[in-house]
N, C-alpha and C. Protein backbone atom coordinates (compact mmCIF):
# COMPACT_ATOMS: atom_id res chain seq x y z
N MET A 1 74.50 128.83 97.36
CA MET A 1 75.66 129.50 96.76
C MET A 1 75.75 130.94 97.25
N ASP A 2 74.60 131.64 97.28
CA ASP A 2 74.60 133.03 97.74
C ASP A 2 75.00 133.12 99.20
N LEU A 3 74.54 132.15 100.00
CA LEU A 3 74.84 132.19 101.43
C LEU A 3 76.32 131.92 101.69
N PHE A 4 76.94 131.10 100.86
CA PHE A 4 78.39 130.93 100.95
C PHE A 4 79.07 132.29 100.77
N SER A 5 78.69 133.01 99.73
CA SER A 5 79.31 134.30 99.44
C SER A 5 79.06 135.30 100.56
N THR A 6 77.84 135.30 101.09
CA THR A 6 77.48 136.25 102.15
C THR A 6 78.29 136.00 103.42
N THR A 7 78.35 134.74 103.84
CA THR A 7 79.04 134.41 105.10
C THR A 7 80.55 134.57 104.95
N TRP A 8 81.09 134.21 103.79
CA TRP A 8 82.53 134.33 103.56
C TRP A 8 82.94 135.79 103.49
N ALA A 9 82.16 136.60 102.81
CA ALA A 9 82.49 138.03 102.72
C ALA A 9 82.43 138.68 104.10
N ALA A 10 81.44 138.30 104.90
CA ALA A 10 81.30 138.88 106.24
C ALA A 10 82.48 138.49 107.12
N LEU A 11 82.93 137.25 107.02
CA LEU A 11 84.06 136.79 107.83
C LEU A 11 85.34 137.51 107.42
N ARG A 12 85.57 137.62 106.13
CA ARG A 12 86.78 138.31 105.66
C ARG A 12 86.75 139.79 106.02
N SER A 13 85.57 140.39 105.98
CA SER A 13 85.44 141.79 106.36
C SER A 13 85.75 141.98 107.84
N ALA A 14 85.28 141.04 108.67
CA ALA A 14 85.57 141.12 110.10
C ALA A 14 87.06 141.03 110.37
N VAL A 15 87.76 140.15 109.65
CA VAL A 15 89.21 140.03 109.81
C VAL A 15 89.89 141.31 109.37
N ALA A 16 89.43 141.89 108.26
CA ALA A 16 90.04 143.12 107.74
C ALA A 16 89.91 144.28 108.73
N GLY A 17 88.90 144.23 109.59
CA GLY A 17 88.69 145.30 110.54
C GLY A 17 89.43 145.15 111.86
N LEU A 18 90.20 144.07 112.01
CA LEU A 18 90.93 143.84 113.26
C LEU A 18 92.14 144.76 113.38
N SER A 19 92.47 145.10 114.61
CA SER A 19 93.72 145.82 114.87
C SER A 19 94.84 144.80 115.00
N ASP A 20 96.07 145.28 114.95
CA ASP A 20 97.22 144.38 115.12
C ASP A 20 97.14 143.66 116.46
N GLU A 21 96.70 144.38 117.48
CA GLU A 21 96.63 143.79 118.82
C GLU A 21 95.59 142.67 118.87
N ASP A 22 94.55 142.77 118.08
CA ASP A 22 93.50 141.75 118.09
C ASP A 22 94.03 140.38 117.67
N PHE A 23 95.02 140.36 116.79
CA PHE A 23 95.54 139.08 116.30
C PHE A 23 96.21 138.27 117.41
N ALA A 24 96.62 138.93 118.48
CA ALA A 24 97.28 138.23 119.59
C ALA A 24 96.31 137.85 120.70
N ARG A 25 95.03 138.13 120.51
CA ARG A 25 94.03 137.78 121.52
C ARG A 25 93.58 136.33 121.32
N PRO A 26 92.99 135.73 122.36
CA PRO A 26 92.48 134.35 122.20
C PRO A 26 91.31 134.33 121.23
N SER A 27 91.16 133.21 120.55
CA SER A 27 89.99 133.00 119.72
C SER A 27 89.06 132.02 120.43
N GLY A 28 87.95 131.71 119.80
CA GLY A 28 87.03 130.74 120.37
C GLY A 28 87.45 129.31 120.14
N CYS A 29 88.53 129.09 119.39
CA CYS A 29 89.09 127.75 119.20
C CYS A 29 90.11 127.49 120.31
N ALA A 30 89.87 126.50 121.11
CA ALA A 30 90.75 126.23 122.26
C ALA A 30 92.20 126.10 121.82
N GLY A 31 93.07 126.90 122.45
CA GLY A 31 94.49 126.83 122.19
C GLY A 31 94.97 127.68 121.02
N TRP A 32 94.05 128.31 120.33
CA TRP A 32 94.41 129.14 119.17
C TRP A 32 94.20 130.61 119.46
N LEU A 33 95.17 131.41 119.08
CA LEU A 33 95.00 132.85 119.06
C LEU A 33 94.23 133.23 117.79
N VAL A 34 93.80 134.48 117.72
CA VAL A 34 93.11 134.96 116.53
C VAL A 34 93.98 134.77 115.30
N ARG A 35 95.28 135.02 115.43
CA ARG A 35 96.17 134.87 114.26
C ARG A 35 96.19 133.44 113.77
N ASP A 36 96.12 132.46 114.69
CA ASP A 36 96.11 131.06 114.30
C ASP A 36 94.82 130.73 113.54
N LEU A 37 93.71 131.27 114.03
CA LEU A 37 92.43 131.06 113.37
C LEU A 37 92.45 131.66 111.96
N VAL A 38 92.99 132.86 111.83
CA VAL A 38 93.04 133.50 110.52
C VAL A 38 93.93 132.70 109.57
N CYS A 39 95.02 132.15 110.08
CA CYS A 39 95.88 131.31 109.26
C CYS A 39 95.12 130.07 108.81
N HIS A 40 94.32 129.51 109.69
CA HIS A 40 93.47 128.36 109.33
C HIS A 40 92.50 128.74 108.22
N LEU A 41 91.98 129.96 108.25
CA LEU A 41 91.06 130.40 107.20
C LEU A 41 91.75 130.47 105.85
N VAL A 42 93.04 130.80 105.84
CA VAL A 42 93.80 130.78 104.59
C VAL A 42 93.82 129.36 104.03
N ILE A 43 94.06 128.38 104.91
CA ILE A 43 94.07 126.97 104.49
C ILE A 43 92.69 126.57 103.99
N ASP A 44 91.65 127.04 104.66
CA ASP A 44 90.28 126.76 104.22
C ASP A 44 90.04 127.31 102.82
N ALA A 45 90.47 128.53 102.59
CA ALA A 45 90.28 129.15 101.27
C ALA A 45 91.01 128.35 100.19
N GLN A 46 92.19 127.86 100.52
CA GLN A 46 92.92 127.01 99.58
C GLN A 46 92.14 125.73 99.30
N ASP A 47 91.52 125.17 100.34
CA ASP A 47 90.73 123.95 100.17
C ASP A 47 89.56 124.20 99.22
N VAL A 48 88.91 125.34 99.35
CA VAL A 48 87.81 125.68 98.45
C VAL A 48 88.31 125.74 97.01
N LEU A 49 89.42 126.43 96.80
CA LEU A 49 89.97 126.56 95.44
C LEU A 49 90.35 125.19 94.87
N ILE A 50 91.01 124.37 95.65
CA ILE A 50 91.45 123.06 95.17
C ILE A 50 90.26 122.17 94.85
N THR A 51 89.28 122.14 95.74
CA THR A 51 88.14 121.24 95.55
C THR A 51 87.30 121.64 94.34
N LEU A 52 87.11 122.93 94.14
CA LEU A 52 86.28 123.37 93.02
C LEU A 52 86.90 123.06 91.66
N VAL A 53 88.19 122.81 91.63
CA VAL A 53 88.84 122.44 90.36
C VAL A 53 89.28 120.97 90.37
N THR A 54 88.66 120.18 91.24
CA THR A 54 88.94 118.74 91.30
C THR A 54 87.66 117.99 90.99
N PRO A 55 87.35 117.80 89.72
CA PRO A 55 86.10 117.12 89.36
C PRO A 55 86.13 115.64 89.70
N ALA A 56 84.97 115.12 90.04
CA ALA A 56 84.84 113.67 90.25
C ALA A 56 84.90 112.98 88.90
N GLU A 57 85.71 111.95 88.79
CA GLU A 57 85.89 111.26 87.53
C GLU A 57 85.52 109.79 87.67
N GLY A 58 85.49 109.09 86.53
CA GLY A 58 85.20 107.67 86.55
C GLY A 58 83.72 107.40 86.42
N GLU A 59 83.32 106.23 86.92
CA GLU A 59 81.94 105.77 86.75
C GLU A 59 81.07 106.09 87.95
N GLN A 60 81.54 106.97 88.80
CA GLN A 60 80.74 107.37 89.96
C GLN A 60 79.38 107.89 89.50
N THR A 61 78.30 107.27 89.96
CA THR A 61 76.97 107.63 89.47
C THR A 61 76.37 108.84 90.18
N GLY A 62 76.83 109.13 91.32
CA GLY A 62 76.26 110.26 92.03
C GLY A 62 77.06 110.60 93.27
N PRO A 63 76.70 111.69 93.94
CA PRO A 63 77.41 112.11 95.16
C PRO A 63 77.33 111.06 96.26
N THR A 64 78.36 111.00 97.06
CA THR A 64 78.36 110.09 98.21
C THR A 64 77.94 110.80 99.49
N VAL A 65 78.01 112.14 99.50
CA VAL A 65 77.60 112.93 100.65
C VAL A 65 76.91 114.20 100.16
N ASP A 66 76.21 114.86 101.08
CA ASP A 66 75.64 116.18 100.78
C ASP A 66 76.21 117.20 101.75
N ALA A 67 75.60 118.37 101.84
CA ALA A 67 76.14 119.45 102.67
C ALA A 67 76.16 119.10 104.15
N VAL A 68 75.26 118.21 104.57
CA VAL A 68 75.19 117.84 105.99
C VAL A 68 76.06 116.61 106.28
N THR A 69 75.93 115.57 105.45
CA THR A 69 76.69 114.34 105.70
C THR A 69 78.17 114.50 105.36
N TYR A 70 78.52 115.62 104.73
CA TYR A 70 79.94 115.97 104.54
C TYR A 70 80.65 116.03 105.89
N TRP A 71 79.93 116.46 106.92
CA TRP A 71 80.53 116.63 108.25
C TRP A 71 80.50 115.33 109.03
N LYS A 72 81.61 115.00 109.62
CA LYS A 72 81.71 113.82 110.47
C LYS A 72 81.86 114.25 111.92
N VAL A 73 81.27 113.48 112.81
CA VAL A 73 81.33 113.79 114.24
C VAL A 73 82.40 112.93 114.89
N ALA A 74 83.40 113.59 115.48
CA ALA A 74 84.49 112.88 116.14
C ALA A 74 84.12 112.54 117.58
N ASP A 75 84.84 111.58 118.15
CA ASP A 75 84.57 111.15 119.53
C ASP A 75 85.14 112.13 120.54
N THR A 76 86.24 112.78 120.19
CA THR A 76 86.91 113.67 121.13
C THR A 76 87.30 114.97 120.43
N PRO A 77 87.38 116.07 121.18
CA PRO A 77 87.82 117.33 120.58
C PRO A 77 89.28 117.27 120.20
N PRO A 78 89.72 118.13 119.27
CA PRO A 78 91.14 118.13 118.88
C PRO A 78 92.04 118.43 120.07
N SER A 79 93.19 117.75 120.10
CA SER A 79 94.12 117.90 121.22
C SER A 79 95.23 118.88 120.92
N GLY A 80 95.36 119.25 119.64
CA GLY A 80 96.46 120.11 119.24
C GLY A 80 97.66 119.32 118.76
N ASP A 81 97.59 117.98 118.87
CA ASP A 81 98.70 117.13 118.46
C ASP A 81 98.69 116.84 116.97
N ASP A 82 97.58 117.13 116.30
CA ASP A 82 97.51 116.88 114.87
C ASP A 82 98.58 117.70 114.15
N PRO A 83 99.34 117.08 113.22
CA PRO A 83 100.44 117.79 112.56
C PRO A 83 100.00 119.07 111.86
N LEU A 84 98.81 119.05 111.23
CA LEU A 84 98.35 120.25 110.54
C LEU A 84 98.03 121.36 111.54
N ASP A 85 97.40 121.01 112.66
CA ASP A 85 97.11 122.02 113.69
C ASP A 85 98.39 122.65 114.20
N ALA A 86 99.40 121.82 114.44
CA ALA A 86 100.68 122.33 114.93
C ALA A 86 101.35 123.21 113.88
N LEU A 87 101.24 122.82 112.61
CA LEU A 87 101.82 123.61 111.54
C LEU A 87 101.17 124.98 111.44
N ILE A 88 99.85 125.03 111.62
CA ILE A 88 99.13 126.30 111.51
C ILE A 88 99.62 127.29 112.55
N VAL A 89 99.85 126.82 113.76
CA VAL A 89 100.33 127.71 114.82
C VAL A 89 101.71 128.26 114.48
N ARG A 90 102.59 127.39 113.99
CA ARG A 90 103.94 127.85 113.62
C ARG A 90 103.89 128.78 112.41
N LEU A 91 103.04 128.46 111.46
CA LEU A 91 102.93 129.29 110.26
C LEU A 91 102.38 130.66 110.59
N ALA A 92 101.38 130.70 111.47
CA ALA A 92 100.79 131.99 111.86
C ALA A 92 101.83 132.87 112.54
N ALA A 93 102.65 132.28 113.40
CA ALA A 93 103.68 133.05 114.09
C ALA A 93 104.73 133.56 113.13
N ALA A 94 104.97 132.82 112.05
CA ALA A 94 106.01 133.19 111.10
C ALA A 94 105.66 134.46 110.32
N TYR A 95 104.38 134.80 110.24
CA TYR A 95 104.01 136.02 109.53
C TYR A 95 104.56 137.26 110.23
N GLU A 96 104.65 137.22 111.56
CA GLU A 96 105.15 138.32 112.39
C GLU A 96 104.28 139.58 112.26
N ASP A 97 104.15 140.13 111.08
CA ASP A 97 103.33 141.32 110.88
C ASP A 97 101.90 140.87 110.57
N PRO A 98 100.93 141.17 111.44
CA PRO A 98 99.55 140.75 111.19
C PRO A 98 99.00 141.24 109.86
N ALA A 99 99.51 142.37 109.37
CA ALA A 99 99.02 142.90 108.09
C ALA A 99 99.33 141.94 106.95
N LEU A 100 100.45 141.23 107.04
CA LEU A 100 100.79 140.27 106.00
C LEU A 100 99.82 139.09 105.99
N LEU A 101 99.44 138.65 107.19
CA LEU A 101 98.49 137.55 107.30
C LEU A 101 97.12 137.99 106.79
N ALA A 102 96.70 139.19 107.16
CA ALA A 102 95.42 139.71 106.69
C ALA A 102 95.41 139.86 105.17
N PHE A 103 96.54 140.31 104.62
CA PHE A 103 96.64 140.46 103.17
C PHE A 103 96.55 139.10 102.47
N HIS A 104 97.21 138.10 103.03
CA HIS A 104 97.20 136.77 102.43
C HIS A 104 95.78 136.21 102.43
N LEU A 105 95.06 136.40 103.53
CA LEU A 105 93.67 135.93 103.57
C LEU A 105 92.83 136.67 102.55
N ASP A 106 93.00 137.97 102.44
CA ASP A 106 92.22 138.74 101.47
C ASP A 106 92.53 138.28 100.05
N ASP A 107 93.80 138.01 99.78
CA ASP A 107 94.21 137.61 98.45
C ASP A 107 93.64 136.25 98.06
N VAL A 108 93.92 135.25 98.89
CA VAL A 108 93.45 133.89 98.60
C VAL A 108 91.94 133.79 98.81
N GLY A 109 91.44 134.49 99.82
CA GLY A 109 90.02 134.45 100.10
C GLY A 109 89.18 135.06 99.00
N SER A 110 89.65 136.15 98.41
CA SER A 110 88.93 136.76 97.30
C SER A 110 88.87 135.81 96.11
N ALA A 111 89.99 135.12 95.86
CA ALA A 111 90.02 134.15 94.77
C ALA A 111 89.03 133.02 95.02
N ALA A 112 88.97 132.53 96.26
CA ALA A 112 88.02 131.48 96.59
C ALA A 112 86.58 131.96 96.40
N GLY A 113 86.33 133.21 96.78
CA GLY A 113 85.00 133.77 96.59
C GLY A 113 84.62 133.86 95.12
N ARG A 114 85.55 134.28 94.28
CA ARG A 114 85.28 134.38 92.84
C ARG A 114 85.07 132.99 92.24
N ALA A 115 85.87 132.02 92.66
CA ALA A 115 85.72 130.66 92.15
C ALA A 115 84.35 130.09 92.51
N ALA A 116 83.87 130.41 93.71
CA ALA A 116 82.55 129.93 94.13
C ALA A 116 81.45 130.54 93.27
N GLU A 117 81.59 131.80 92.95
CA GLU A 117 80.58 132.47 92.12
C GLU A 117 80.54 131.90 90.71
N LEU A 118 81.68 131.42 90.22
CA LEU A 118 81.76 130.88 88.86
C LEU A 118 81.44 129.39 88.78
N ALA A 119 81.36 128.73 89.93
CA ALA A 119 81.18 127.28 89.94
C ALA A 119 79.78 126.88 89.49
N ASP A 120 79.70 125.75 88.81
CA ASP A 120 78.42 125.14 88.44
C ASP A 120 77.94 124.36 89.65
N PRO A 121 76.82 124.75 90.27
CA PRO A 121 76.40 124.06 91.50
C PRO A 121 76.09 122.59 91.32
N ALA A 122 75.81 122.18 90.09
CA ALA A 122 75.49 120.77 89.85
C ALA A 122 76.72 119.92 89.55
N ALA A 123 77.85 120.56 89.32
CA ALA A 123 79.07 119.82 89.00
C ALA A 123 79.50 118.98 90.20
N ARG A 124 79.98 117.76 89.92
CA ARG A 124 80.45 116.89 90.99
C ARG A 124 81.93 117.11 91.22
N VAL A 125 82.30 117.33 92.49
CA VAL A 125 83.69 117.52 92.86
C VAL A 125 84.06 116.48 93.91
N THR A 126 85.35 116.33 94.14
CA THR A 126 85.78 115.34 95.12
C THR A 126 86.78 115.95 96.09
N THR A 127 86.67 115.54 97.34
CA THR A 127 87.58 115.98 98.39
C THR A 127 87.55 114.95 99.51
N GLN A 128 88.69 114.64 100.07
CA GLN A 128 88.80 113.71 101.21
C GLN A 128 88.07 112.39 100.92
N ASP A 129 88.21 111.90 99.70
CA ASP A 129 87.59 110.63 99.27
C ASP A 129 86.07 110.69 99.27
N MET A 130 85.51 111.89 99.24
CA MET A 130 84.07 112.07 99.14
C MET A 130 83.73 112.72 97.81
N VAL A 131 82.54 112.43 97.30
CA VAL A 131 82.04 113.07 96.09
C VAL A 131 80.76 113.80 96.44
N LEU A 132 80.67 115.04 96.02
CA LEU A 132 79.46 115.83 96.26
C LEU A 132 79.36 116.92 95.20
N THR A 133 78.20 117.52 95.09
CA THR A 133 78.06 118.60 94.13
C THR A 133 78.79 119.83 94.65
N ALA A 134 79.18 120.69 93.72
CA ALA A 134 79.84 121.93 94.14
C ALA A 134 78.90 122.76 95.01
N GLY A 135 77.62 122.73 94.70
CA GLY A 135 76.66 123.46 95.51
C GLY A 135 76.60 122.97 96.94
N ASP A 136 76.61 121.64 97.12
CA ASP A 136 76.59 121.09 98.48
C ASP A 136 77.91 121.36 99.20
N PHE A 137 79.02 121.30 98.46
CA PHE A 137 80.32 121.59 99.07
C PHE A 137 80.34 123.02 99.61
N LEU A 138 79.87 123.96 98.81
CA LEU A 138 79.85 125.36 99.25
C LEU A 138 78.85 125.57 100.37
N SER A 139 77.74 124.84 100.35
CA SER A 139 76.76 124.93 101.44
C SER A 139 77.34 124.41 102.74
N ALA A 140 78.15 123.33 102.65
CA ALA A 140 78.80 122.80 103.84
C ALA A 140 79.71 123.85 104.46
N TYR A 141 80.33 124.65 103.62
CA TYR A 141 81.26 125.66 104.12
C TYR A 141 80.55 126.84 104.78
N VAL A 142 79.25 126.98 104.60
CA VAL A 142 78.51 128.00 105.35
C VAL A 142 78.65 127.72 106.84
N LEU A 143 78.58 126.43 107.19
CA LEU A 143 78.77 126.04 108.60
C LEU A 143 80.18 126.39 109.07
N GLU A 144 81.17 126.08 108.23
CA GLU A 144 82.57 126.38 108.58
C GLU A 144 82.77 127.87 108.81
N TRP A 145 82.30 128.68 107.87
CA TRP A 145 82.50 130.13 108.00
C TRP A 145 81.78 130.68 109.23
N THR A 146 80.56 130.21 109.46
CA THR A 146 79.77 130.76 110.57
C THR A 146 80.37 130.40 111.92
N LEU A 147 80.75 129.14 112.10
CA LEU A 147 81.35 128.75 113.38
C LEU A 147 82.67 129.48 113.61
N HIS A 148 83.47 129.61 112.58
CA HIS A 148 84.75 130.30 112.76
C HIS A 148 84.57 131.80 112.91
N HIS A 149 83.50 132.34 112.38
CA HIS A 149 83.21 133.76 112.63
C HIS A 149 82.88 133.95 114.12
N LEU A 150 82.12 133.02 114.68
CA LEU A 150 81.86 133.06 116.12
C LEU A 150 83.17 132.92 116.90
N ASP A 151 84.06 132.05 116.44
CA ASP A 151 85.37 131.90 117.09
C ASP A 151 86.17 133.19 117.03
N LEU A 152 86.11 133.85 115.89
CA LEU A 152 86.89 135.07 115.69
C LEU A 152 86.49 136.14 116.69
N VAL A 153 85.20 136.30 116.93
CA VAL A 153 84.70 137.41 117.75
C VAL A 153 84.47 137.01 119.20
N ALA A 154 84.84 135.78 119.57
CA ALA A 154 84.54 135.28 120.92
C ALA A 154 85.06 136.19 122.02
N HIS A 155 86.23 136.80 121.80
CA HIS A 155 86.83 137.68 122.79
C HIS A 155 87.05 139.09 122.23
N LEU A 156 86.28 139.41 121.19
CA LEU A 156 86.36 140.72 120.55
C LEU A 156 84.95 141.30 120.47
N PRO A 157 84.45 141.83 121.57
CA PRO A 157 83.04 142.25 121.63
C PRO A 157 82.67 143.35 120.65
N ASP A 158 83.65 144.11 120.18
CA ASP A 158 83.33 145.20 119.25
C ASP A 158 83.37 144.77 117.78
N ALA A 159 83.81 143.55 117.52
CA ALA A 159 83.88 143.07 116.14
C ALA A 159 82.52 142.58 115.68
N PRO A 160 82.17 142.80 114.41
CA PRO A 160 80.86 142.35 113.91
C PRO A 160 80.78 140.84 113.85
N GLY A 161 79.63 140.30 114.23
CA GLY A 161 79.42 138.86 114.21
C GLY A 161 78.93 138.37 112.87
N PRO A 162 78.66 137.08 112.77
CA PRO A 162 78.22 136.49 111.50
C PRO A 162 76.80 136.93 111.14
N PRO A 163 76.46 136.90 109.85
CA PRO A 163 75.11 137.28 109.41
C PRO A 163 74.04 136.37 110.01
N ALA A 164 72.87 136.94 110.26
CA ALA A 164 71.77 136.19 110.88
C ALA A 164 71.38 134.99 110.03
N GLU A 165 71.36 135.15 108.70
CA GLU A 165 70.95 134.05 107.85
C GLU A 165 71.96 132.91 107.88
N GLY A 166 73.23 133.24 108.07
CA GLY A 166 74.24 132.20 108.21
C GLY A 166 74.09 131.45 109.52
N LEU A 167 73.79 132.18 110.59
CA LEU A 167 73.56 131.54 111.89
C LEU A 167 72.37 130.59 111.82
N ALA A 168 71.29 131.04 111.19
CA ALA A 168 70.09 130.22 111.11
C ALA A 168 70.33 128.96 110.29
N ARG A 169 71.01 129.10 109.16
CA ARG A 169 71.29 127.94 108.31
C ARG A 169 72.23 126.97 109.02
N THR A 170 73.22 127.48 109.73
CA THR A 170 74.17 126.61 110.43
C THR A 170 73.47 125.88 111.56
N ARG A 171 72.57 126.55 112.25
CA ARG A 171 71.80 125.88 113.31
C ARG A 171 70.98 124.74 112.69
N GLU A 172 70.35 125.01 111.57
CA GLU A 172 69.55 123.98 110.90
C GLU A 172 70.42 122.77 110.55
N MET A 173 71.60 123.03 110.02
CA MET A 173 72.50 121.93 109.66
C MET A 173 72.96 121.16 110.89
N LEU A 174 73.28 121.88 111.96
CA LEU A 174 73.74 121.22 113.18
C LEU A 174 72.63 120.37 113.79
N GLU A 175 71.41 120.85 113.71
CA GLU A 175 70.28 120.06 114.22
C GLU A 175 70.09 118.79 113.41
N ARG A 176 70.31 118.87 112.11
CA ARG A 176 70.22 117.67 111.28
C ARG A 176 71.34 116.70 111.61
N ILE A 177 72.52 117.21 111.89
CA ILE A 177 73.64 116.35 112.28
C ILE A 177 73.34 115.69 113.63
N ALA A 178 72.76 116.46 114.54
CA ALA A 178 72.45 115.94 115.88
C ALA A 178 71.24 115.01 115.86
N GLY A 179 70.37 115.17 114.87
CA GLY A 179 69.17 114.37 114.80
C GLY A 179 68.07 114.86 115.72
N ALA A 180 68.19 116.10 116.19
CA ALA A 180 67.19 116.68 117.09
C ALA A 180 67.34 118.19 117.11
N PRO A 181 66.24 118.91 117.34
CA PRO A 181 66.34 120.38 117.39
C PRO A 181 66.83 120.86 118.75
N PHE A 182 67.45 122.01 118.76
CA PHE A 182 67.79 122.67 120.01
C PHE A 182 66.54 123.36 120.54
N PRO A 183 66.48 123.59 121.85
CA PRO A 183 65.31 124.27 122.40
C PRO A 183 65.05 125.62 121.71
N ALA A 184 63.79 125.92 121.51
CA ALA A 184 63.42 127.16 120.82
C ALA A 184 63.89 128.39 121.60
N SER A 185 64.08 128.24 122.91
CA SER A 185 64.53 129.37 123.73
C SER A 185 66.00 129.72 123.48
N PHE A 186 66.75 128.82 122.87
CA PHE A 186 68.17 129.08 122.60
C PHE A 186 68.29 130.00 121.38
N SER A 187 69.09 131.03 121.50
CA SER A 187 69.41 131.82 120.31
C SER A 187 70.25 130.95 119.38
N ASP A 188 70.34 131.35 118.12
CA ASP A 188 71.17 130.59 117.18
C ASP A 188 72.61 130.54 117.65
N THR A 189 73.11 131.66 118.14
CA THR A 189 74.50 131.70 118.62
C THR A 189 74.72 130.75 119.78
N ASP A 190 73.81 130.76 120.76
CA ASP A 190 73.96 129.87 121.90
C ASP A 190 73.83 128.41 121.48
N ALA A 191 72.91 128.11 120.57
CA ALA A 191 72.75 126.74 120.10
C ALA A 191 74.04 126.24 119.45
N LEU A 192 74.67 127.10 118.65
CA LEU A 192 75.89 126.69 117.94
C LEU A 192 77.07 126.56 118.89
N ARG A 193 77.21 127.50 119.82
CA ARG A 193 78.34 127.43 120.74
C ARG A 193 78.21 126.25 121.70
N ILE A 194 77.02 126.04 122.21
CA ILE A 194 76.81 124.91 123.12
C ILE A 194 76.88 123.60 122.35
N GLY A 195 76.25 123.58 121.19
CA GLY A 195 76.17 122.35 120.40
C GLY A 195 77.52 121.83 119.95
N THR A 196 78.46 122.73 119.72
CA THR A 196 79.79 122.31 119.27
C THR A 196 80.84 122.36 120.37
N GLY A 197 80.40 122.58 121.60
CA GLY A 197 81.34 122.55 122.72
C GLY A 197 82.15 123.80 122.90
N ARG A 198 81.73 124.88 122.24
CA ARG A 198 82.48 126.13 122.39
C ARG A 198 82.18 126.81 123.71
N ARG A 199 81.10 126.46 124.33
CA ARG A 199 80.87 126.82 125.73
C ARG A 199 79.98 125.76 126.36
N ALA A 200 80.11 125.60 127.66
CA ALA A 200 79.31 124.62 128.38
C ALA A 200 77.92 125.19 128.66
N PRO A 201 76.89 124.37 128.63
CA PRO A 201 75.55 124.85 128.97
C PRO A 201 75.43 125.13 130.47
N THR A 202 74.61 126.08 130.81
CA THR A 202 74.28 126.29 132.21
C THR A 202 73.40 125.13 132.68
N GLU A 203 73.17 125.06 133.97
CA GLU A 203 72.30 124.00 134.49
C GLU A 203 70.90 124.11 133.89
N ALA A 204 70.40 125.34 133.78
CA ALA A 204 69.07 125.55 133.20
C ALA A 204 69.04 125.11 131.74
N GLU A 205 70.10 125.45 131.01
CA GLU A 205 70.17 125.06 129.59
C GLU A 205 70.28 123.55 129.46
N ARG A 206 71.05 122.94 130.34
CA ARG A 206 71.19 121.48 130.29
C ARG A 206 69.84 120.81 130.55
N THR A 207 69.07 121.37 131.45
CA THR A 207 67.74 120.83 131.72
C THR A 207 66.87 120.91 130.47
N GLU A 208 66.94 122.04 129.77
CA GLU A 208 66.17 122.20 128.54
C GLU A 208 66.64 121.24 127.45
N LEU A 209 67.91 120.90 127.48
CA LEU A 209 68.46 119.97 126.49
C LEU A 209 68.09 118.52 126.79
N GLY A 210 67.51 118.28 127.96
CA GLY A 210 67.04 116.95 128.27
C GLY A 210 67.97 116.12 129.12
N GLY A 211 69.04 116.74 129.63
CA GLY A 211 69.94 116.01 130.51
C GLY A 211 70.53 114.79 129.82
N THR A 212 70.77 113.73 130.59
CA THR A 212 71.40 112.53 130.04
C THR A 212 70.46 111.73 129.15
N ASP A 213 69.17 112.07 129.16
CA ASP A 213 68.20 111.32 128.35
C ASP A 213 67.81 112.06 127.08
N GLY A 214 68.40 113.23 126.85
CA GLY A 214 68.00 114.01 125.70
C GLY A 214 69.17 114.41 124.82
N LEU A 215 69.01 115.56 124.19
CA LEU A 215 70.03 116.05 123.27
C LEU A 215 71.36 116.28 123.98
N ALA A 216 71.31 116.64 125.26
CA ALA A 216 72.54 116.90 126.00
C ALA A 216 73.50 115.71 125.96
N ALA A 217 72.94 114.51 125.88
CA ALA A 217 73.78 113.30 125.87
C ALA A 217 74.60 113.20 124.60
N LYS A 218 74.18 113.87 123.54
CA LYS A 218 74.88 113.80 122.25
C LYS A 218 75.93 114.89 122.11
N LEU A 219 75.93 115.83 123.04
CA LEU A 219 76.80 117.00 122.90
C LEU A 219 78.08 116.83 123.74
N PRO A 220 79.16 117.51 123.33
CA PRO A 220 79.25 118.39 122.16
C PRO A 220 79.46 117.60 120.86
N LEU A 221 79.05 118.21 119.75
CA LEU A 221 79.28 117.65 118.44
C LEU A 221 80.61 118.20 117.92
N VAL A 222 81.62 117.36 117.89
CA VAL A 222 82.95 117.74 117.42
C VAL A 222 83.00 117.44 115.92
N LEU A 223 82.96 118.47 115.11
CA LEU A 223 82.85 118.28 113.67
C LEU A 223 84.21 118.29 112.99
N GLY A 224 84.36 117.46 112.02
CA GLY A 224 85.60 117.42 111.26
C GLY A 224 85.37 116.92 109.85
């Protein structure tokens, strides 16, 4: 729960520190500008708010997923054809003034942060036909915040990156999803960017990943 708050606050702070020009720069999400990514974060914050007030009902005896199995691995990366992805790009452009988009994220994002602090971690919530505890749901979002924080700063070298503890926890989760650890020589940032296809491994890195007989064969992990 604390790590959710830490990573979310750091991401929102990084957005608050952007210049207007930064919103028009590319992000680490293929095909998205920074403004598109920030608009996506608004949708994410809404998802947190909605899920935390959507209790699991009925005779469900327990959670169906946890913080790690919440994430599904897709066969192919997003193409941009998904209706929601297309909507986000149009919605981001409609703000026109980046300050309005930043304000909206701060407004909805602060509410999501407060809701997380007030949530009972043992309470069962439901989202996308899954049932999990509120604590596991918020833990799953540590991965979301950390990866998107890396996306935010991918082409903004002066912007602050994600907290070290968030990077470490996200690497741990990604390794559990992959079923194998990344080489110890990889920094957390490199492990996450390579592991999720945000950058291609060098030949030396690919060798460390085991080539076609090792972890490299499982990458990239396209999470959804």
